[in-house]
C-alpha atoms as a PDB file:
ATOM      1  CA  MET A   1      77.214  84.160 117.486  1.00  0.00           C
ATOM      2  CA  LYS A   2      77.494  84.859 113.760  1.00  0.00           C
ATOM      3  CA  ARG A   3      75.069  87.773 114.099  1.00  0.00           C
ATOM      4  CA  ILE A   4      77.149  89.288 116.939  1.00  0.00           C
ATOM      5  CA  PHE A   5      80.303  88.963 114.831  1.00  0.00           C
ATOM      6  CA  LEU A   6      78.643  90.694 111.853  1.00  0.00           C
ATOM      7  CA  CYS A   7      77.315  93.505 114.054  1.00  0.00           C
ATOM      8  CA  SER A   8      80.785  93.971 115.564  1.00  0.00           C
ATOM      9  CA  LEU A   9      82.358  94.064 112.114  1.00  0.00           C
ATOM     10  CA  ILE A  10      79.873  96.702 110.932  1.00  0.00           C
ATOM     11  CA  LEU A  11      80.566  98.803 114.040  1.00  0.00           C
ATOM     12  CA  ILE A  12      84.340  98.563 113.501  1.00  0.00           C
ATOM     13  CA  GLN A  13      83.913  99.559 109.847  1.00  0.00           C
ATOM     14  CA  ALA A  14      81.819 102.571 110.835  1.00  0.00           C
ATOM     15  CA  LEU A  15      84.354 103.702 113.444  1.00  0.00           C
ATOM     16  CA  LEU A  16      87.296 103.343 111.058  1.00  0.00           C
ATOM     17  CA  ALA A  17      85.416 105.117 108.259  1.00  0.00           C
ATOM     18  CA  GLU A  18      84.887 108.101 110.558  1.00  0.00           C
ATOM     19  CA  LYS A  19      88.537 108.203 111.598  1.00  0.00           C
ATOM     20  CA  ALA A  20      90.318 107.450 108.306  1.00  0.00           C
ATOM     21  CA  PRO A  21      92.564 110.505 107.937  1.00  0.00           C
ATOM     22  CA  THR A  22      93.345 112.154 104.647  1.00  0.00           C
ATOM     23  CA  ALA A  23      96.952 112.087 103.471  1.00  0.00           C
ATOM     24  CA  PHE A  24      97.700 115.612 104.658  1.00  0.00           C
ATOM     25  CA  GLU A  25      96.056 114.968 108.051  1.00  0.00           C
ATOM     26  CA  ALA A  26      98.243 111.875 108.508  1.00  0.00           C
ATOM     27  CA  LEU A  27     101.268 113.863 107.313  1.00  0.00           C
ATOM     28  CA  LYS A  28     100.927 116.169 110.330  1.00  0.00           C
ATOM     29  CA  SER A  29     101.226 113.145 112.608  1.00  0.00           C
ATOM     30  CA  ALA A  30     104.209 111.765 110.671  1.00  0.00           C
ATOM     31  CA  GLU A  31     106.048 115.089 110.882  1.00  0.00           C
ATOM     32  CA  ASN A  32     105.997 114.839 114.681  1.00  0.00           C
ATOM     33  CA  HIS A  33     108.373 111.862 114.397  1.00  0.00           C
ATOM     34  CA  ILE A  34     111.117 113.121 112.096  1.00  0.00           C
ATOM     35  CA  ALA A  35     114.122 115.398 112.526  1.00  0.00           C
ATOM     36  CA  LYS A  36     113.492 119.130 112.254  1.00  0.00           C
ATOM     37  CA  GLU A  37     115.781 119.239 109.214  1.00  0.00           C
ATOM     38  CA  SER A  38     113.402 116.931 107.317  1.00  0.00           C
ATOM     39  CA  LEU A  39     110.210 118.932 107.896  1.00  0.00           C
ATOM     40  CA  GLY A  40     108.645 119.911 104.578  1.00  0.00           C
ATOM     41  CA  LYS A  41     110.928 117.507 102.680  1.00  0.00           C
ATOM     42  CA  VAL A  42     108.404 114.915 101.556  1.00  0.00           C
ATOM     43  CA  ILE A  43     109.456 112.781  98.606  1.00  0.00           C
ATOM     44  CA  GLN A  44     106.488 110.440  98.388  1.00  0.00           C
ATOM     45  CA  ILE A  45     103.118 109.719 100.016  1.00  0.00           C
ATOM     46  CA  ASN A  46     101.440 106.310  99.685  1.00  0.00           C
ATOM     47  CA  GLY A  47      97.967 105.297 100.828  1.00  0.00           C
ATOM     48  CA  GLU A  48      97.521 101.541 101.081  1.00  0.00           C
ATOM     49  CA  ARG A  49      94.363  99.601 100.277  1.00  0.00           C
ATOM     50  CA  ASP A  50      92.182  99.128 103.269  1.00  0.00           C
ATOM     51  CA  GLY A  51      89.843  96.174 103.535  1.00  0.00           C
ATOM     52  CA  VAL A  52      87.527  98.105 105.824  1.00  0.00           C
ATOM     53  CA  THR A  53      87.307 101.692 104.562  1.00  0.00           C
ATOM     54  CA  LEU A  54      87.060 103.227 101.102  1.00  0.00           C
ATOM     55  CA  THR A  55      90.058 105.481 101.619  1.00  0.00           C
ATOM     56  CA  PRO A  56      93.278 104.398 103.322  1.00  0.00           C
ATOM     57  CA  SER A  57      93.617 104.401 107.077  1.00  0.00           C
ATOM     58  CA  THR A  58      97.340 103.644 106.646  1.00  0.00           C
ATOM     59  CA  TRP A  59      99.676 106.157 104.993  1.00  0.00           C
ATOM     60  CA  SER A  60     103.436 105.916 104.389  1.00  0.00           C
ATOM     61  CA  PHE A  61     105.576 109.022 103.987  1.00  0.00           C
ATOM     62  CA  VAL A  62     109.110 109.144 102.588  1.00  0.00           C
ATOM     63  CA  PHE A  63     111.091 112.121 103.852  1.00  0.00           C
ATOM     64  CA  PHE A  64     114.464 113.270 102.556  1.00  0.00           C
ATOM     65  CA  ASP A  65     116.912 112.946 105.460  1.00  0.00           C
ATOM     66  CA  LEU A  66     120.672 113.270 104.987  1.00  0.00           C
ATOM     67  CA  ASN A  67     121.249 111.314 108.212  1.00  0.00           C
ATOM     68  CA  ALA A  68     119.125 108.320 107.211  1.00  0.00           C
ATOM     69  CA  ARG A  69     120.217 105.221 105.295  1.00  0.00           C
ATOM     70  CA  GLN A  70     119.810 105.908 101.561  1.00  0.00           C
ATOM     71  CA  GLN A  71     118.781 109.434 102.671  1.00  0.00           C
ATOM     72  CA  GLY A  72     115.181 108.304 103.158  1.00  0.00           C
ATOM     73  CA  ARG A  73     113.185 108.184 106.383  1.00  0.00           C
ATOM     74  CA  ILE A  74     109.867 106.346 106.106  1.00  0.00           C
ATOM     75  CA  VAL A  75     107.097 107.007 108.606  1.00  0.00           C
ATOM     76  CA  THR A  76     103.951 104.861 108.422  1.00  0.00           C
ATOM     77  CA  VAL A  77     100.833 106.199 110.109  1.00  0.00           C
ATOM     78  CA  ARG A  78      97.634 104.215 110.777  1.00  0.00           C
ATOM     79  CA  ALA A  79      94.463 105.930 111.991  1.00  0.00           C
ATOM     80  CA  GLY A  80      96.508 109.047 112.741  1.00  0.00           C
ATOM     81  CA  LYS A  81      99.187 107.298 114.845  1.00  0.00           C
ATOM     82  CA  PRO A  82     102.703 106.258 113.747  1.00  0.00           C
ATOM     83  CA  ILE A  83     103.147 102.480 113.602  1.00  0.00           C
ATOM     84  CA  GLU A  84     106.579 102.256 111.963  1.00  0.00           C
ATOM     85  CA  ILE A  85     109.592 104.515 111.460  1.00  0.00           C
ATOM     86  CA  ARG A  86     112.539 103.236 109.456  1.00  0.00           C
ATOM     87  CA  ASP A  87     115.310 104.253 107.065  1.00  0.00           C
ATOM     88  CA  GLY A  88     115.952 103.122 103.525  1.00  0.00           C
ATOM     89  CA  TYR A  89     114.012 102.589 100.330  1.00  0.00           C
ATOM     90  CA  PHE A  90     110.277 102.580  99.844  1.00  0.00           C
ATOM     91  CA  GLU A  91     109.123 102.062  96.284  1.00  0.00           C
ATOM     92  CA  ILE A  92     105.979 100.735  94.694  1.00  0.00           C
ATOM     93  CA  ASP A  93     106.060  98.876  91.374  1.00  0.00           C
ATOM     94  CA  LYS A  94     109.752  99.558  90.722  1.00  0.00           C
ATOM     95  CA  LEU A  95     113.175  98.686  92.052  1.00  0.00           C
ATOM     96  CA  ARG A  96     115.191 101.547  93.462  1.00  0.00           C
ATOM     97  CA  MET A  97     118.969 101.333  93.201  1.00  0.00           C
ATOM     98  CA  ALA A  98     120.135 104.844  94.209  1.00  0.00           C
ATOM     99  CA  ALA A  99     119.773 106.910  97.370  1.00  0.00           C
ATOM    100  CA  TYR A 100     117.040 109.532  97.543  1.00  0.00           C
ATOM    101  CA  LYS A 101     118.053 112.976  96.300  1.00  0.00           C
ATOM    102  CA  ALA A 102     117.084 116.491  97.359  1.00  0.00           C
ATOM    103  CA  ASP A 103     115.588 117.197  93.913  1.00  0.00           C
ATOM    104  CA  GLU A 104     112.951 114.506  94.560  1.00  0.00           C
ATOM    105  CA  VAL A 105     111.425 116.551  97.390  1.00  0.00           C
ATOM    106  CA  MET A 106     107.993 117.924  96.512  1.00  0.00           C
ATOM    107  CA  THR A 107     107.744 121.701  96.839  1.00  0.00           C
ATOM    108  CA  PRO A 108     105.224 122.328  99.653  1.00  0.00           C
ATOM    109  CA  ALA A 109     103.645 125.230  97.725  1.00  0.00           C
ATOM    110  CA  TYR A 110     102.423 122.735  95.094  1.00  0.00           C
ATOM    111  CA  LEU A 111     100.755 120.455  97.665  1.00  0.00           C
ATOM    112  CA  LYS A 112      97.334 122.106  97.688  1.00  0.00           C
ATOM    113  CA  VAL A 113      95.029 119.168  96.884  1.00  0.00           C
ATOM    114  CA  ASP A 114      94.623 116.513  99.572  1.00  0.00           C
ATOM    115  CA  SER A 115      93.782 112.856  98.871  1.00  0.00           C
ATOM    116  CA  ASN A 116      90.039 113.285  99.491  1.00  0.00           C
ATOM    117  CA  GLN A 117      89.922 116.214  97.054  1.00  0.00           C
ATOM    118  CA  ALA A 118      91.854 114.235  94.429  1.00  0.00           C
ATOM    119  CA  LEU A 119      89.357 111.374  94.750  1.00  0.00           C
ATOM    120  CA  GLN A 120      86.401 113.751  94.367  1.00  0.00           C
ATOM    121  CA  SER A 121      87.999 115.221  91.221  1.00  0.00           C
ATOM    122  CA  VAL A 122      88.302 111.736  89.742  1.00  0.00           C
ATOM    123  CA  ILE A 123      84.740 110.752  90.675  1.00  0.00           C
ATOM    124  CA  LYS A 124      83.332 113.929  89.150  1.00  0.00           C
ATOM    125  CA  SER A 125      85.429 113.930  85.965  1.00  0.00           C
ATOM    126  CA  ALA A 126      84.855 110.226  85.231  1.00  0.00           C
ATOM    127  CA  GLY A 127      81.153 110.253  86.139  1.00  0.00           C
ATOM    128  CA  LEU A 128      81.571 107.707  88.931  1.00  0.00           C
ATOM    129  CA  GLU A 129      78.920 109.132  91.269  1.00  0.00           C
ATOM    130  CA  LYS A 130      76.752 106.006  90.945  1.00  0.00           C
ATOM    131  CA  VAL A 131      79.603 103.480  90.981  1.00  0.00           C
ATOM    132  CA  LYS A 132      80.040 101.613  94.280  1.00  0.00           C
ATOM    133  CA  LEU A 133      83.757 102.071  94.905  1.00  0.00           C
ATOM    134  CA  SER A 134      85.175  99.589  97.411  1.00  0.00           C
ATOM    135  CA  THR A 135      88.745 100.806  97.980  1.00  0.00           C
ATOM    136  CA  VAL A 136      91.112 103.407  96.607  1.00  0.00           C
ATOM    137  CA  THR A 137      94.908 103.640  96.718  1.00  0.00           C
ATOM    138  CA  PHE A 138      96.921 106.815  96.450  1.00  0.00           C
ATOM    139  CA  ASN A 139     100.492 107.649  95.491  1.00  0.00           C
ATOM    140  CA  LEU A 140     101.779 111.218  95.482  1.00  0.00           C
ATOM    141  CA  ALA A 141     105.203 111.976  94.033  1.00  0.00           C
ATOM    142  CA  LYS A 142     106.862 114.222  91.493  1.00  0.00           C
ATOM    143  CA  ASP A 143     106.374 113.347  87.869  1.00  0.00           C
ATOM    144  CA  ASN A 144     109.616 112.575  86.054  1.00  0.00           C
ATOM    145  CA  GLY A 145     109.170 115.098  83.248  1.00  0.00           C
ATOM    146  CA  ALA A 146     107.618 118.264  84.653  1.00  0.00           C
ATOM    147  CA  ARG A 147     108.830 117.564  88.200  1.00  0.00           C
ATOM    148  CA  LEU A 148     105.461 118.598  89.634  1.00  0.00           C
ATOM    149  CA  PRO A 149     103.615 116.468  92.198  1.00  0.00           C
ATOM    150  CA  TYR A 150     100.733 114.329  90.979  1.00  0.00           C
ATOM    151  CA  TRP A 151      98.350 111.967  92.708  1.00  0.00           C
ATOM    152  CA  ASN A 152      98.064 108.538  91.134  1.00  0.00           C
ATOM    153  CA  VAL A 153      94.641 107.301  92.260  1.00  0.00           C
ATOM    154  CA  ARG A 154      93.796 103.600  91.663  1.00  0.00           C
ATOM    155  CA  LEU A 155      90.129 102.638  91.948  1.00  0.00           C
ATOM    156  CA  PHE A 156      88.497  99.371  92.930  1.00  0.00           C
ATOM    157  CA  ALA A 157      84.747  98.797  92.729  1.00  0.00           C
ATOM    158  CA  ASP A 158      82.249  96.204  93.856  1.00  0.00           C
ATOM    159  CA  LYS A 159      80.947  93.753  91.267  1.00  0.00           C
ATOM    160  CA  ASN A 160      78.513  91.252  92.734  1.00  0.00           C
ATOM    161  CA  GLY A 161      80.361  91.135  96.050  1.00  0.00           C
ATOM    162  CA  LYS A 162      83.835  90.924  94.512  1.00  0.00           C
ATOM    163  CA  GLU A 163      86.376  93.688  94.188  1.00  0.00           C
ATOM    164  CA  VAL A 164      87.438  94.691  90.667  1.00  0.00           C
ATOM    165  CA  ASP A 165      90.301  97.017  89.662  1.00  0.00           C
ATOM    166  CA  ILE A 166      88.605  99.498  87.316  1.00  0.00           C
ATOM    167  CA  GLY A 167      91.598 101.701  86.569  1.00  0.00           C
ATOM    168  CA  TYR A 168      93.429 104.813  87.648  1.00  0.00           C
ATOM    169  CA  ALA A 169      93.609 108.565  87.259  1.00  0.00           C
ATOM    170  CA  VAL A 170      96.417 111.087  87.597  1.00  0.00           C
ATOM    171  CA  VAL A 171      95.494 114.307  89.407  1.00  0.00           C
ATOM    172  CA  SER A 172      97.504 117.508  89.844  1.00  0.00           C
ATOM    173  CA  ALA A 173      98.349 118.078  93.506  1.00  0.00           C
ATOM    174  CA  GLU A 174      98.402 121.798  92.794  1.00  0.00           C
ATOM    175  CA  THR A 175      95.119 122.339  90.929  1.00  0.00           C
ATOM    176  CA  GLY A 176      93.077 119.158  91.410  1.00  0.00           C
ATOM    177  CA  GLY A 177      92.696 118.810  87.653  1.00  0.00           C
ATOM    178  CA  VAL A 178      92.608 115.303  86.207  1.00  0.00           C
ATOM    179  CA  ILE A 179      95.609 114.972  83.874  1.00  0.00           C
ATOM    180  CA  GLU A 180      95.039 111.391  82.729  1.00  0.00           C
ATOM    181  CA  SER A 181      92.320 108.847  83.315  1.00  0.00           C
ATOM    182  CA  LYS A 182      92.128 105.184  82.342  1.00  0.00           C
ATOM    183  CA  ILE A 183      88.966 103.851  83.930  1.00  0.00           C
ATOM    184  CA  ASP A 184      87.123 100.888  82.435  1.00  0.00           C
ATOM    185  CA  LEU A 185      83.548 100.614  83.734  1.00  0.00           C
ATOM    186  CA  GLN A 186      82.939  97.681  81.381  1.00  0.00           C
ATOM    187  CA  LYS A 187      84.710  95.533  83.974  1.00  0.00           C
ATOM    188  CA  LEU A 188      81.613  95.990  86.150  1.00  0.00           C
ATOM    189  CA  VAL A 189      79.179  94.779  83.493  1.00  0.00           C
ATOM    190  CA  ASP A 190      78.092  91.147  83.599  1.00  0.00           C
ATOM    191  CA  LYS A 191      78.724  89.452  80.305  1.00  0.00           C
ATOM    192  CA  LYS A 192      75.783  87.456  78.974  1.00  0.00           C
ATOM    193  CA  LYS A 193      76.301  83.803  78.305  1.00  0.00           C
ATOM    194  CA  ASN A 194      75.379  82.628  74.804  1.00  0.00           C
END
C-alpha cells in the first residue's frame, strides 16, 4: 500500500510539474475574470510556495479596480484555473492601510520578463546550476523609488531532505537583469562537529 501511495505521489508531482503555469500564463486566465476596465491594470503578482513543484502552481493577481473594495480586485489562479476572486487588500510582509492607487499599476510595456525567465536569470547569475532548488516564490510589483516593476525571487533548496531558505534576488521585469542578490549557499553546507 505504501508503494502504491508513493507511486501515486510521484505521478501527481510529474503532472503538476508539467502544468505549472508561469506568472504571465496564469495572468491570461485571471484577466478572463475581471472587468474590462481593469484589463492591463495589474498592481501585484504573487507566486506562492508549492510543496509539489519547483515553481508555483498558484498565482494571485491584484488588479486596480475603481468599483472594488479598497480599489483592489484579487484573482487567485491554480493550475491555470481561477479558484478565488475577491475585493480588498492583498499584501505580503507588510500591513496595508490605504486603498490601492492608479499609480501603483505596473506599465504593461515594462512587463517583458516572465517568472520562469526571472528564475533562470537568478540561477545563471548566482551560479546555482548545480544546486537542488526545492521551491521558489515570486512577487512582482513596482519598486518604491524608481517605480519600475521588479521580481523578488525567494529560493529554497534541499539540504539532506529538508528545505532551507537560501536567500533572494531582485530581477528587472523589463530586462531580466539581476539588480540585487543575497543568496547564502553556506546554509547548504554541513557543519563538522568538533
